[in-house]
Amino acid sequence: QTGGSLRLSCAASGRTSWDWYATGWFRQAPGKG
């Protein structure tokens, strides 16, 4: 409901060789990029 809370989680597996590594979130709403 509006005003409520929710928690998302993301489980990662595998490896990279990046010197600088970041994780995060994007979203796509209906009718938007």
All heavy atoms as atom14 arrays in JSON, in Angstrom:
{
  "sequence": "QTGGSLRLSCAASGRTSWDWYATGWFRQAPGKG",
  "atom14_mask": [
    [1, 1, 1, 1, 1, 1, 1, 1, 1, 0, 0, 0, 0, 0],
    [1, 1, 1, 1, 1, 1, 1, 0, 0, 0, 0, 0, 0, 0],
    [1, 1, 1, 1, 0, 0, 0, 0, 0, 0, 0, 0, 0, 0],
    [1, 1, 1, 1, 0, 0, 0, 0, 0, 0, 0, 0, 0, 0],
    [1, 1, 1, 1, 1, 1, 0, 0, 0, 0, 0, 0, 0, 0],
    [1, 1, 1, 1, 1, 1, 1, 1, 0, 0, 0, 0, 0, 0],
    [1, 1, 1, 1, 1, 1, 1, 1, 1, 1, 1, 0, 0, 0],
    [1, 1, 1, 1, 1, 1, 1, 1, 0, 0, 0, 0, 0, 0],
    [1, 1, 1, 1, 1, 1, 0, 0, 0, 0, 0, 0, 0, 0],
    [1, 1, 1, 1, 1, 1, 0, 0, 0, 0, 0, 0, 0, 0],
    [1, 1, 1, 1, 1, 0, 0, 0, 0, 0, 0, 0, 0, 0],
    [1, 1, 1, 1, 1, 0, 0, 0, 0, 0, 0, 0, 0, 0],
    [1, 1, 1, 1, 1, 1, 0, 0, 0, 0, 0, 0, 0, 0],
    [1, 1, 1, 1, 0, 0, 0, 0, 0, 0, 0, 0, 0, 0],
    [1, 1, 1, 1, 1, 1, 1, 1, 1, 1, 1, 0, 0, 0],
    [1, 1, 1, 1, 1, 1, 1, 0, 0, 0, 0, 0, 0, 0],
    [1, 1, 1, 1, 1, 1, 0, 0, 0, 0, 0, 0, 0, 0],
    [1, 1, 1, 1, 1, 1, 1, 1, 1, 1, 1, 1, 1, 1],
    [1, 1, 1, 1, 1, 1, 1, 1, 0, 0, 0, 0, 0, 0],
    [1, 1, 1, 1, 1, 1, 1, 1, 1, 1, 1, 1, 1, 1],
    [1, 1, 1, 1, 1, 1, 1, 1, 1, 1, 1, 1, 0, 0],
    [1, 1, 1, 1, 1, 0, 0, 0, 0, 0, 0, 0, 0, 0],
    [1, 1, 1, 1, 1, 1, 1, 0, 0, 0, 0, 0, 0, 0],
    [1, 1, 1, 1, 0, 0, 0, 0, 0, 0, 0, 0, 0, 0],
    [1, 1, 1, 1, 1, 1, 1, 1, 1, 1, 1, 1, 1, 1],
    [1, 1, 1, 1, 1, 1, 1, 1, 1, 1, 1, 0, 0, 0],
    [1, 1, 1, 1, 1, 1, 1, 1, 1, 1, 1, 0, 0, 0],
    [1, 1, 1, 1, 1, 1, 1, 1, 1, 0, 0, 0, 0, 0],
    [1, 1, 1, 1, 1, 0, 0, 0, 0, 0, 0, 0, 0, 0],
    [1, 1, 1, 1, 1, 1, 1, 0, 0, 0, 0, 0, 0, 0],
    [1, 1, 1, 1, 0, 0, 0, 0, 0, 0, 0, 0, 0, 0],
    [1, 1, 1, 1, 1, 1, 1, 1, 1, 0, 0, 0, 0, 0],
    [1, 1, 1, 1, 0, 0, 0, 0, 0, 0, 0, 0, 0, 0]
  ],
  "atom14_positions": [
    [[0.82, -1.2, 0.0], [0.0, 0.0, 0.0], [0.86, 1.26, 0.0], [2.02, 1.24, 0.43], [-0.92, 0.02, 1.22], [-1.85, -1.17, 1.33], [-2.94, -1.15, 0.27], [-3.38, -0.09, -0.16], [-3.38, -2.33, -0.15], [0.0, 0.0, 0.0], [0.0, 0.0, 0.0], [0.0, 0.0, 0.0], [0.0, 0.0, 0.0], [0.0, 0.0, 0.0]],
    [[0.29, 2.34, -0.47], [0.96, 3.63, -0.41], [1.4, 3.94, 1.01], [0.63, 3.78, 1.96], [0.06, 4.74, -0.94], [-0.23, 4.51, -2.32], [0.7, 6.11, -0.77], [0.0, 0.0, 0.0], [0.0, 0.0, 0.0], [0.0, 0.0, 0.0], [0.0, 0.0, 0.0], [0.0, 0.0, 0.0], [0.0, 0.0, 0.0], [0.0, 0.0, 0.0]],
    [[2.65, 4.37, 1.16], [3.21, 4.66, 2.47], [3.88, 3.48, 3.13], [4.55, 3.65, 4.15], [0.0, 0.0, 0.0], [0.0, 0.0, 0.0], [0.0, 0.0, 0.0], [0.0, 0.0, 0.0], [0.0, 0.0, 0.0], [0.0, 0.0, 0.0], [0.0, 0.0, 0.0], [0.0, 0.0, 0.0], [0.0, 0.0, 0.0], [0.0, 0.0, 0.0]],
    [[3.73, 2.31, 2.56], [4.31, 1.11, 3.12], [5.76, 0.92, 2.72], [6.37, 1.77, 2.07], [0.0, 0.0, 0.0], [0.0, 0.0, 0.0], [0.0, 0.0, 0.0], [0.0, 0.0, 0.0], [0.0, 0.0, 0.0], [0.0, 0.0, 0.0], [0.0, 0.0, 0.0], [0.0, 0.0, 0.0], [0.0, 0.0, 0.0], [0.0, 0.0, 0.0]],
    [[6.29, -0.22, 3.13], [7.69, -0.53, 2.9], [7.83, -1.9, 2.26], [6.97, -2.77, 2.4], [8.48, -0.51, 4.21], [8.47, 0.76, 4.8], [0.0, 0.0, 0.0], [0.0, 0.0, 0.0], [0.0, 0.0, 0.0], [0.0, 0.0, 0.0], [0.0, 0.0, 0.0], [0.0, 0.0, 0.0], [0.0, 0.0, 0.0], [0.0, 0.0, 0.0]],
    [[8.94, -2.08, 1.58], [9.24, -3.33, 0.92], [10.75, -3.46, 0.82], [11.45, -2.44, 0.68], [8.61, -3.36, -0.47], [8.28, -4.71, -1.11], [7.27, -5.47, -0.27], [7.73, -4.49, -2.51], [0.0, 0.0, 0.0], [0.0, 0.0, 0.0], [0.0, 0.0, 0.0], [0.0, 0.0, 0.0], [0.0, 0.0, 0.0], [0.0, 0.0, 0.0]],
    [[11.24, -4.68, 0.89], [12.67, -4.91, 0.77], [12.95, -5.87, -0.37], [12.37, -6.96, -0.42], [13.26, -5.47, 2.06], [14.76, -5.71, 1.97], [15.39, -6.1, 3.29], [16.8, -6.41, 3.15], [17.77, -5.51, 3.15], [17.47, -4.22, 3.29], [19.04, -5.88, 3.01], [0.0, 0.0, 0.0], [0.0, 0.0, 0.0], [0.0, 0.0, 0.0]],
    [[13.84, -5.47, -1.25], [14.32, -6.3, -2.33], [15.71, -6.84, -1.99], [16.5, -6.16, -1.34], [14.4, -5.53, -3.65], [13.12, -4.84, -4.13], [13.38, -4.14, -5.46], [11.98, -5.83, -4.26], [0.0, 0.0, 0.0], [0.0, 0.0, 0.0], [0.0, 0.0, 0.0], [0.0, 0.0, 0.0], [0.0, 0.0, 0.0], [0.0, 0.0, 0.0]],
    [[15.99, -8.04, -2.45], [17.3, -8.63, -2.29], [17.8, -9.13, -3.64], [17.01, -9.49, -4.51], [17.27, -9.79, -1.29], [16.91, -9.34, 0.0], [0.0, 0.0, 0.0], [0.0, 0.0, 0.0], [0.0, 0.0, 0.0], [0.0, 0.0, 0.0], [0.0, 0.0, 0.0], [0.0, 0.0, 0.0], [0.0, 0.0, 0.0], [0.0, 0.0, 0.0]],
    [[19.1, -9.15, -3.78], [19.74, -9.62, -5.0], [20.88, -10.54, -4.62], [21.83, -10.11, -3.94], [20.24, -8.44, -5.83], [21.14, -8.91, -7.32], [0.0, 0.0, 0.0], [0.0, 0.0, 0.0], [0.0, 0.0, 0.0], [0.0, 0.0, 0.0], [0.0, 0.0, 0.0], [0.0, 0.0, 0.0], [0.0, 0.0, 0.0], [0.0, 0.0, 0.0]],
    [[20.8, -11.78, -5.04], [21.85, -12.75, -4.81], [22.76, -12.81, -6.03], [22.29, -12.96, -7.16], [21.26, -14.13, -4.52], [0.0, 0.0, 0.0], [0.0, 0.0, 0.0], [0.0, 0.0, 0.0], [0.0, 0.0, 0.0], [0.0, 0.0, 0.0], [0.0, 0.0, 0.0], [0.0, 0.0, 0.0], [0.0, 0.0, 0.0], [0.0, 0.0, 0.0]],
    [[24.05, -12.69, -5.8], [25.03, -12.66, -6.87], [25.89, -13.91, -6.83], [26.24, -14.41, -5.76], [25.91, -11.42, -6.77], [0.0, 0.0, 0.0], [0.0, 0.0, 0.0], [0.0, 0.0, 0.0], [0.0, 0.0, 0.0], [0.0, 0.0, 0.0], [0.0, 0.0, 0.0], [0.0, 0.0, 0.0], [0.0, 0.0, 0.0], [0.0, 0.0, 0.0]],
    [[26.25, -14.4, -8.01], [27.18, -15.5, -8.13], [28.11, -15.23, -9.3], [27.77, -14.5, -10.23], [26.45, -16.84, -8.32], [25.68, -16.83, -9.51], [0.0, 0.0, 0.0], [0.0, 0.0, 0.0], [0.0, 0.0, 0.0], [0.0, 0.0, 0.0], [0.0, 0.0, 0.0], [0.0, 0.0, 0.0], [0.0, 0.0, 0.0], [0.0, 0.0, 0.0]],
    [[29.29, -15.83, -9.26], [30.29, -15.59, -10.27], [31.3, -14.54, -9.81], [31.19, -13.99, -8.71], [0.0, 0.0, 0.0], [0.0, 0.0, 0.0], [0.0, 0.0, 0.0], [0.0, 0.0, 0.0], [0.0, 0.0, 0.0], [0.0, 0.0, 0.0], [0.0, 0.0, 0.0], [0.0, 0.0, 0.0], [0.0, 0.0, 0.0], [0.0, 0.0, 0.0]],
    [[32.24, -14.27, -10.66], [33.32, -13.35, -10.34], [33.61, -12.44, -11.52], [33.31, -12.76, -12.67], [34.59, -14.12, -9.97], [34.45, -15.04, -8.79], [35.75, -15.75, -8.49], [35.59, -16.74, -7.43], [35.66, -16.47, -6.14], [35.87, -15.23, -5.72], [35.5, -17.44, -5.25], [0.0, 0.0, 0.0], [0.0, 0.0, 0.0], [0.0, 0.0, 0.0]],
    [[34.22, -11.3, -11.19], [34.69, -10.36, -12.19], [36.13, -9.97, -11.88], [36.65, -10.23, -10.8], [33.83, -9.1, -12.25], [34.08, -8.29, -11.09], [32.35, -9.45, -12.31], [0.0, 0.0, 0.0], [0.0, 0.0, 0.0], [0.0, 0.0, 0.0], [0.0, 0.0, 0.0], [0.0, 0.0, 0.0], [0.0, 0.0, 0.0], [0.0, 0.0, 0.0]],
    [[36.79, -9.34, -12.85], [38.14, -8.83, -12.67], [38.17, -7.31, -12.59], [39.22, -6.71, -12.77], [39.04, -9.32, -13.8], [38.57, -8.87, -15.06], [0.0, 0.0, 0.0], [0.0, 0.0, 0.0], [0.0, 0.0, 0.0], [0.0, 0.0, 0.0], [0.0, 0.0, 0.0], [0.0, 0.0, 0.0], [0.0, 0.0, 0.0], [0.0, 0.0, 0.0]],
    [[37.03, -6.7, -12.33], [36.97, -5.25, -12.27], [37.78, -4.72, -11.09], [37.73, -5.26, -9.99], [35.52, -4.78, -12.14], [34.66, -5.19, -13.28], [34.98, -5.21, -14.6], [33.3, -5.64, -13.19], [33.91, -5.64, -15.35], [32.87, -5.91, -14.51], [32.42, -5.83, -12.13], [31.58, -6.36, -14.79], [31.13, -6.28, -12.41], [30.72, -6.54, -13.73]],
    [[38.52, -3.65, -11.32], [39.23, -2.99, -10.24], [38.27, -2.29, -9.29], [38.45, -2.29, -8.07], [40.24, -1.99, -10.79], [41.38, -2.65, -11.55], [41.68, -3.82, -11.25], [41.96, -2.0, -12.43], [0.0, 0.0, 0.0], [0.0, 0.0, 0.0], [0.0, 0.0, 0.0], [0.0, 0.0, 0.0], [0.0, 0.0, 0.0], [0.0, 0.0, 0.0]],
    [[37.27, -1.67, -9.87], [36.21, -1.03, -9.11], [34.9, -1.71, -9.45], [34.5, -1.77, -10.61], [36.13, 0.46, -9.43], [37.3, 1.24, -8.93], [38.52, 1.37, -9.52], [37.35, 1.99, -7.72], [39.33, 2.15, -8.76], [38.64, 2.56, -7.65], [36.43, 2.25, -6.7], [39.03, 3.37, -6.58], [36.81, 3.06, -5.65], [38.1, 3.6, -5.6]],
    [[34.23, -2.22, -8.45], [33.02, -3.01, -8.62], [31.86, -2.35, -7.89], [32.02, -1.82, -6.79], [33.25, -4.42, -8.07], [32.09, -5.37, -8.25], [31.89, -6.02, -9.46], [31.21, -5.62, -7.21], [30.83, -6.89, -9.62], [30.15, -6.49, -7.36], [29.97, -7.12, -8.56], [28.92, -8.0, -8.72], [0.0, 0.0, 0.0], [0.0, 0.0, 0.0]],
    [[30.71, -2.38, -8.52], [29.52, -1.79, -7.91], [28.31, -2.64, -8.25], [28.24, -3.26, -9.32], [29.3, -0.35, -8.38], [0.0, 0.0, 0.0], [0.0, 0.0, 0.0], [0.0, 0.0, 0.0], [0.0, 0.0, 0.0], [0.0, 0.0, 0.0], [0.0, 0.0, 0.0], [0.0, 0.0, 0.0], [0.0, 0.0, 0.0], [0.0, 0.0, 0.0]],
    [[27.37, -2.66, -7.36], [26.06, -3.26, -7.61], [25.0, -2.22, -7.31], [25.23, -1.25, -6.59], [25.83, -4.51, -6.76], [25.97, -4.2, -5.37], [26.82, -5.61, -7.14], [0.0, 0.0, 0.0], [0.0, 0.0, 0.0], [0.0, 0.0, 0.0], [0.0, 0.0, 0.0], [0.0, 0.0, 0.0], [0.0, 0.0, 0.0], [0.0, 0.0, 0.0]],
    [[23.82, -2.44, -7.84], [22.76, -1.49, -7.61], [21.47, -1.92, -8.24], [21.26, -3.09, -8.58], [0.0, 0.0, 0.0], [0.0, 0.0, 0.0], [0.0, 0.0, 0.0], [0.0, 0.0, 0.0], [0.0, 0.0, 0.0], [0.0, 0.0, 0.0], [0.0, 0.0, 0.0], [0.0, 0.0, 0.0], [0.0, 0.0, 0.0], [0.0, 0.0, 0.0]],
    [[20.59, -0.94, -8.39], [19.24, -1.19, -8.87], [18.81, -0.15, -9.88], [19.13, 1.04, -9.75], [18.25, -1.17, -7.69], [18.49, -2.24, -6.68], [19.33, -2.17, -5.61], [17.89, -3.53, -6.65], [19.28, -3.35, -4.9], [18.41, -4.2, -5.51], [16.97, -4.19, -7.45], [18.02, -5.5, -5.17], [16.59, -5.48, -7.12], [17.12, -6.12, -5.99]],
    [[18.1, -0.6, -10.88], [17.36, 0.23, -11.8], [15.9, -0.2, -11.75], [15.57, -1.27, -11.25], [17.89, 0.11, -13.23], [19.23, 0.74, -13.46], [20.38, 0.16, -12.96], [19.34, 1.91, -14.2], [21.62, 0.74, -13.17], [20.58, 2.49, -14.43], [21.71, 1.91, -13.91], [0.0, 0.0, 0.0], [0.0, 0.0, 0.0], [0.0, 0.0, 0.0]],
    [[15.04, 0.64, -12.29], [13.64, 0.27, -12.37], [13.04, 0.81, -13.66], [13.56, 1.76, -14.25], [12.85, 0.79, -11.18], [12.69, 2.31, -11.14], [12.0, 2.74, -9.86], [11.78, 4.17, -9.82], [11.29, 4.83, -8.77], [10.96, 4.15, -7.68], [11.12, 6.14, -8.82], [0.0, 0.0, 0.0], [0.0, 0.0, 0.0], [0.0, 0.0, 0.0]],
    [[11.96, 0.2, -14.08], [11.25, 0.63, -15.26], [9.76, 0.64, -14.95], [9.16, -0.41, -14.71], [11.54, -0.28, -16.46], [10.95, 0.23, -17.76], [11.53, -0.47, -18.97], [12.2, -1.5, -18.85], [11.29, 0.09, -20.14], [0.0, 0.0, 0.0], [0.0, 0.0, 0.0], [0.0, 0.0, 0.0], [0.0, 0.0, 0.0], [0.0, 0.0, 0.0]],
    [[9.19, 1.83, -14.93], [7.77, 2.0, -14.67], [7.0, 1.87, -15.98], [7.56, 2.06, -17.07], [7.51, 3.35, -14.03], [0.0, 0.0, 0.0], [0.0, 0.0, 0.0], [0.0, 0.0, 0.0], [0.0, 0.0, 0.0], [0.0, 0.0, 0.0], [0.0, 0.0, 0.0], [0.0, 0.0, 0.0], [0.0, 0.0, 0.0], [0.0, 0.0, 0.0]],
    [[5.71, 1.57, -15.88], [4.9, 1.48, -17.1], [4.96, 2.76, -17.91], [4.76, 3.86, -17.38], [3.48, 1.22, -16.57], [3.69, 0.57, -15.24], [4.93, 1.22, -14.68], [0.0, 0.0, 0.0], [0.0, 0.0, 0.0], [0.0, 0.0, 0.0], [0.0, 0.0, 0.0], [0.0, 0.0, 0.0], [0.0, 0.0, 0.0], [0.0, 0.0, 0.0]],
    [[5.27, 2.64, -19.18], [5.33, 3.78, -20.06], [6.57, 4.63, -19.93], [6.64, 5.7, -20.54], [0.0, 0.0, 0.0], [0.0, 0.0, 0.0], [0.0, 0.0, 0.0], [0.0, 0.0, 0.0], [0.0, 0.0, 0.0], [0.0, 0.0, 0.0], [0.0, 0.0, 0.0], [0.0, 0.0, 0.0], [0.0, 0.0, 0.0], [0.0, 0.0, 0.0]],
    [[7.56, 4.19, -19.15], [8.78, 4.95, -18.94], [9.99, 4.1, -19.27], [9.92, 2.87, -19.34], [8.88, 5.45, -17.5], [7.79, 6.42, -17.09], [7.94, 6.84, -15.65], [9.26, 7.54, -15.4], [9.39, 7.98, -13.98], [0.0, 0.0, 0.0], [0.0, 0.0, 0.0], [0.0, 0.0, 0.0], [0.0, 0.0, 0.0], [0.0, 0.0, 0.0]],
    [[11.13, 4.77, -19.46], [12.37, 4.08, -19.67], [13.0, 3.61, -18.37], [12.49, 3.88, -17.28], [0.0, 0.0, 0.0], [0.0, 0.0, 0.0], [0.0, 0.0, 0.0], [0.0, 0.0, 0.0], [0.0, 0.0, 0.0], [0.0, 0.0, 0.0], [0.0, 0.0, 0.0], [0.0, 0.0, 0.0], [0.0, 0.0, 0.0], [0.0, 0.0, 0.0]]
  ]
}
